[in-house]
Amino acid sequence: MRRSRLDLKLFEFSTSHQISLHVRSPGVCSEIKNRGTRDVLMVVCDGLKGLPDAVNAVWEKTIVQTCIVHLLRNSFKYASKRDWAQIAKDLKPVYTAASESEALDRFAEFSGKWEKRYPAIIRLWENAWSEFVPFLRFDREIRTVICTTNAIESINARLRRAVNARGHFPTEQAALKCLYLAIMSLDPTGKGRKRWTNRWKAALNAFDVTFDGRLSAGRK
């Protein structure tokens, strides 16, 4: 019996993909919605151009938020390594500000200090500002959860390694089993799952209040 190869595509919005967003992403979003995801409160991404329009074409109320950690990393790409620590220190008042107006004041101070030496960093933050500022509307509990996409990227990387190690699968069920085992291997005892579930309680309450019950409505 000839074994057919099953191509697995782990969809994630990442600048590492050398593909055109406006061609691929709307279809990905529509596929996710067709699978039963009726509402999405927020999408956190690494600043991929055109993503807000692609997401909002499918879910009108969804907020698209730039990953703060990616924004910081991308800032360091334009700076000498000896300045990284000071740049990180000077940017912290921007993304920890209590409001957008306060963030603008802190960013103006940052620009006054660094624009002459690293104008590309200033342009980077200015271009990302509209997707950065939603972060400032939320309480600390929500900010802690949405400041980075590292957690989901780590899971995606583990799934890709598991799939690449096998190469091909005789059936779809075999592929799903491979992914299931890869996910379960992240926390074989279940203790980590319980610990992280408890850490999410405050964020879940904050999300439900902030988004006017949309989170609880999705569980019905």
Protein backbone atom coordinates (compact mmCIF):
# COMPACT_ATOMS: atom_id res chain seq x y z
CA MET A 1 0.00 0.00 0.00
CA ARG A 2 1.42 3.33 -0.99
CA ARG A 3 1.66 5.68 1.94
CA SER A 4 0.36 9.14 1.21
CA ARG A 5 2.12 12.08 2.73
CA LEU A 6 0.10 14.44 4.90
CA ASP A 7 1.28 18.03 4.75
CA LEU A 8 0.77 19.74 8.08
CA LYS A 9 0.65 23.52 8.14
CA LEU A 10 0.84 25.20 11.51
CA PHE A 11 -0.66 28.58 10.83
CA GLU A 12 0.93 31.43 12.74
CA PHE A 13 1.29 35.09 11.90
CA SER A 14 5.05 35.56 11.88
CA THR A 15 7.48 37.66 9.90
CA SER A 16 9.63 34.55 9.50
CA HIS A 17 7.21 33.39 6.81
CA GLN A 18 8.35 34.56 3.37
CA ILE A 19 4.80 34.85 2.05
CA SER A 20 2.44 37.68 1.23
CA LEU A 21 0.03 38.36 4.06
CA HIS A 22 -2.71 39.84 1.90
CA VAL A 23 -2.83 36.60 -0.08
CA ARG A 24 -2.73 34.08 2.76
CA SER A 25 -4.02 35.53 6.03
CA PRO A 26 -7.67 36.32 5.15
CA GLY A 27 -8.10 32.70 4.12
CA VAL A 28 -6.51 31.49 7.34
CA CYS A 29 -8.79 33.71 9.44
CA SER A 30 -11.87 32.58 7.53
CA GLU A 31 -10.87 28.95 7.98
CA ILE A 32 -10.49 29.44 11.73
CA LYS A 33 -13.91 31.10 11.90
CA ASN A 34 -15.50 28.32 9.84
CA ARG A 35 -14.14 25.80 12.33
CA GLY A 36 -16.26 27.42 15.04
CA THR A 37 -14.33 30.41 16.39
CA ARG A 38 -17.19 32.90 16.34
CA ASP A 39 -15.43 35.68 18.22
CA VAL A 40 -11.85 36.71 18.95
CA LEU A 41 -11.18 39.28 21.64
CA MET A 42 -7.61 40.05 20.70
CA VAL A 43 -4.86 38.95 18.33
CA VAL A 44 -1.29 39.51 19.53
CA CYS A 45 1.26 39.45 16.71
CA ASP A 46 4.81 40.52 15.91
CA GLY A 47 3.89 43.48 13.72
CA LEU A 48 3.27 41.74 10.41
CA LYS A 49 2.12 44.37 7.93
CA GLY A 50 -1.54 44.19 6.92
CA LEU A 51 -2.57 41.81 9.69
CA PRO A 52 -5.08 44.19 11.36
CA ASP A 53 -7.07 44.53 8.13
CA ALA A 54 -6.96 40.78 7.52
CA VAL A 55 -8.22 40.00 11.02
CA ASN A 56 -10.88 42.72 11.14
CA ALA A 57 -12.26 41.60 7.78
CA VAL A 58 -13.33 38.40 9.55
CA TRP A 59 -13.86 39.56 13.16
CA GLU A 60 -14.86 43.24 13.22
CA LYS A 61 -14.54 43.73 16.99
CA THR A 62 -11.13 42.09 17.39
CA ILE A 63 -8.26 44.21 18.73
CA VAL A 64 -4.88 43.61 17.07
CA GLN A 65 -2.02 44.17 19.49
CA THR A 66 1.69 44.24 18.67
CA CYS A 67 3.82 41.95 20.81
CA ILE A 68 5.77 44.27 23.11
CA VAL A 69 8.71 41.87 23.41
CA HIS A 70 9.05 41.65 19.62
CA LEU A 71 8.93 45.45 19.41
CA LEU A 72 11.80 45.66 21.88
CA ARG A 73 13.80 42.99 20.07
CA ASN A 74 13.32 44.73 16.75
CA SER A 75 14.50 47.97 18.36
CA PHE A 76 17.75 46.32 19.41
CA LYS A 77 18.45 45.31 15.80
CA TYR A 78 19.13 48.96 14.98
CA ALA A 79 21.31 49.68 18.00
CA SER A 80 24.82 48.89 19.10
CA LYS A 81 24.89 46.10 21.66
CA ARG A 82 26.53 48.36 24.22
CA ASP A 83 23.37 50.53 24.20
CA TRP A 84 20.80 47.72 24.56
CA ALA A 85 20.51 47.90 28.34
CA GLN A 86 20.02 51.67 28.37
CA ILE A 87 17.55 51.60 25.47
CA ALA A 88 15.52 48.91 27.25
CA LYS A 89 15.56 50.99 30.44
CA ASP A 90 14.46 54.14 28.59
CA LEU A 91 11.67 52.34 26.70
CA LYS A 92 10.18 50.74 29.82
CA PRO A 93 8.35 53.93 30.90
CA VAL A 94 6.72 53.99 27.44
CA TYR A 95 5.13 50.52 27.56
CA THR A 96 4.40 50.64 31.30
CA ALA A 97 2.64 54.02 31.10
CA ALA A 98 -0.80 54.31 32.66
CA SER A 99 -2.31 55.91 29.54
CA GLU A 100 -1.59 56.72 25.91
CA SER A 101 -0.96 60.41 26.69
CA GLU A 102 1.62 59.45 29.31
CA ALA A 103 3.19 56.99 26.87
CA LEU A 104 3.47 59.76 24.26
CA ASP A 105 5.25 62.00 26.78
CA ARG A 106 7.70 59.24 27.71
CA PHE A 107 8.26 58.40 24.05
CA ALA A 108 8.98 62.06 23.31
CA GLU A 109 11.67 61.92 26.00
CA PHE A 110 13.06 58.73 24.49
CA SER A 111 13.09 60.30 21.01
CA GLY A 112 14.89 63.39 22.29
CA LYS A 113 17.64 61.22 23.69
CA TRP A 114 18.07 58.59 20.94
CA GLU A 115 16.65 59.91 17.65
CA LYS A 116 19.90 61.43 16.43
CA ARG A 117 21.85 58.22 17.01
CA TYR A 118 19.16 55.66 16.11
CA PRO A 119 16.42 57.27 13.97
CA ALA A 120 15.29 53.84 12.73
CA ILE A 121 14.18 52.88 16.27
CA ILE A 122 12.03 55.99 16.49
CA ARG A 123 10.48 55.25 13.09
CA LEU A 124 9.85 51.64 14.14
CA TRP A 125 7.82 52.70 17.19
CA GLU A 126 5.99 55.43 15.31
CA ASN A 127 4.93 52.96 12.60
CA ALA A 128 3.80 50.42 15.20
CA TRP A 129 2.09 52.93 17.48
CA SER A 130 -1.52 52.25 16.41
CA GLU A 131 -1.08 48.53 17.17
CA PHE A 132 0.93 49.24 20.34
CA VAL A 133 -1.48 51.57 22.15
CA PRO A 134 -4.34 49.06 22.75
CA PHE A 135 -2.01 47.52 25.35
CA LEU A 136 -2.26 50.71 27.41
CA ARG A 137 -6.04 50.48 27.84
CA PHE A 138 -5.88 47.35 29.98
CA ASP A 139 -5.30 46.47 33.61
CA ARG A 140 -2.06 44.89 34.76
CA GLU A 141 -3.61 41.40 34.72
CA ILE A 142 -4.31 41.63 30.99
CA ARG A 143 -1.04 43.38 30.17
CA THR A 144 0.91 40.52 31.73
CA VAL A 145 -0.78 38.02 29.41
CA ILE A 146 -0.66 39.94 26.12
CA CYS A 147 2.78 41.58 26.28
CA THR A 148 4.43 38.73 24.36
CA THR A 149 3.70 35.86 21.96
CA ASN A 150 6.64 33.80 23.29
CA ALA A 151 4.46 31.14 24.92
CA ILE A 152 2.52 30.21 21.78
CA GLU A 153 5.65 30.46 19.64
CA SER A 154 7.36 27.98 21.95
CA ILE A 155 4.49 25.50 21.51
CA ASN A 156 4.48 25.98 17.73
CA ALA A 157 8.23 25.34 17.62
CA ARG A 158 7.79 22.10 19.58
CA LEU A 159 5.03 20.96 17.22
CA ARG A 160 7.15 21.74 14.15
CA ARG A 161 10.06 19.74 15.57
CA ALA A 162 7.79 16.77 16.23
CA VAL A 163 6.35 16.90 12.70
CA ASN A 164 9.73 17.35 11.02
CA ALA A 165 11.20 14.46 12.98
CA ARG A 166 8.56 12.12 11.55
CA GLY A 167 8.58 13.55 8.04
CA HIS A 168 5.39 11.87 6.86
CA PHE A 169 2.30 10.16 8.28
CA PRO A 170 0.22 7.27 6.92
CA THR A 171 -3.06 8.82 8.10
CA GLU A 172 -4.46 12.03 9.52
CA GLN A 173 -5.07 10.22 12.81
CA ALA A 174 -1.35 9.40 13.03
CA ALA A 175 -0.49 13.05 12.52
CA LEU A 176 -2.96 14.17 15.19
CA LYS A 177 -1.53 11.62 17.60
CA CYS A 178 1.97 12.99 16.97
CA LEU A 179 0.81 16.53 17.78
CA TYR A 180 -1.11 15.34 20.85
CA LEU A 181 1.95 13.55 22.25
CA ALA A 182 4.14 16.59 21.55
CA ILE A 183 1.75 18.85 23.48
CA MET A 184 1.43 16.39 26.38
CA SER A 185 5.21 16.12 26.62
CA LEU A 186 5.34 19.80 27.55
CA ASP A 187 3.82 18.96 30.93
CA PRO A 188 3.86 15.18 31.47
CA THR A 189 2.91 15.33 35.18
CA GLY A 190 0.13 17.91 34.81
CA LYS A 191 1.51 20.03 37.64
CA GLY A 192 2.54 22.86 35.34
CA ARG A 193 -0.94 22.95 33.78
CA LYS A 194 -2.55 23.41 37.19
CA ARG A 195 -0.07 26.13 38.14
CA TRP A 196 -0.61 28.10 34.91
CA THR A 197 -4.39 27.69 35.08
CA ASN A 198 -4.39 29.36 38.47
CA ARG A 199 -2.22 32.21 37.13
CA TRP A 200 -4.81 32.87 34.42
CA LYS A 201 -7.71 33.39 36.85
CA ALA A 202 -7.11 37.11 37.38
CA ALA A 203 -6.62 37.68 33.64
CA LEU A 204 -9.81 35.78 32.75
CA ASN A 205 -11.82 37.93 35.16
CA ALA A 206 -10.26 41.10 33.76
CA PHE A 207 -10.93 40.00 30.17
CA ASP A 208 -14.58 39.24 30.92
CA VAL A 209 -15.15 42.65 32.52
CA THR A 210 -13.16 44.59 29.92
CA PHE A 211 -14.84 42.92 26.95
CA ASP A 212 -18.34 43.16 28.41
CA GLY A 213 -19.07 39.45 28.80
CA ARG A 214 -17.92 38.33 25.35
CA LEU A 215 -15.55 35.81 26.92
CA SER A 216 -18.28 34.09 28.97
CA ALA A 217 -20.65 34.25 26.02
CA GLY A 218 -18.20 32.20 23.99
CA ARG A 219 -18.41 29.33 26.50
CA LYS A 220 -22.16 28.88 26.05
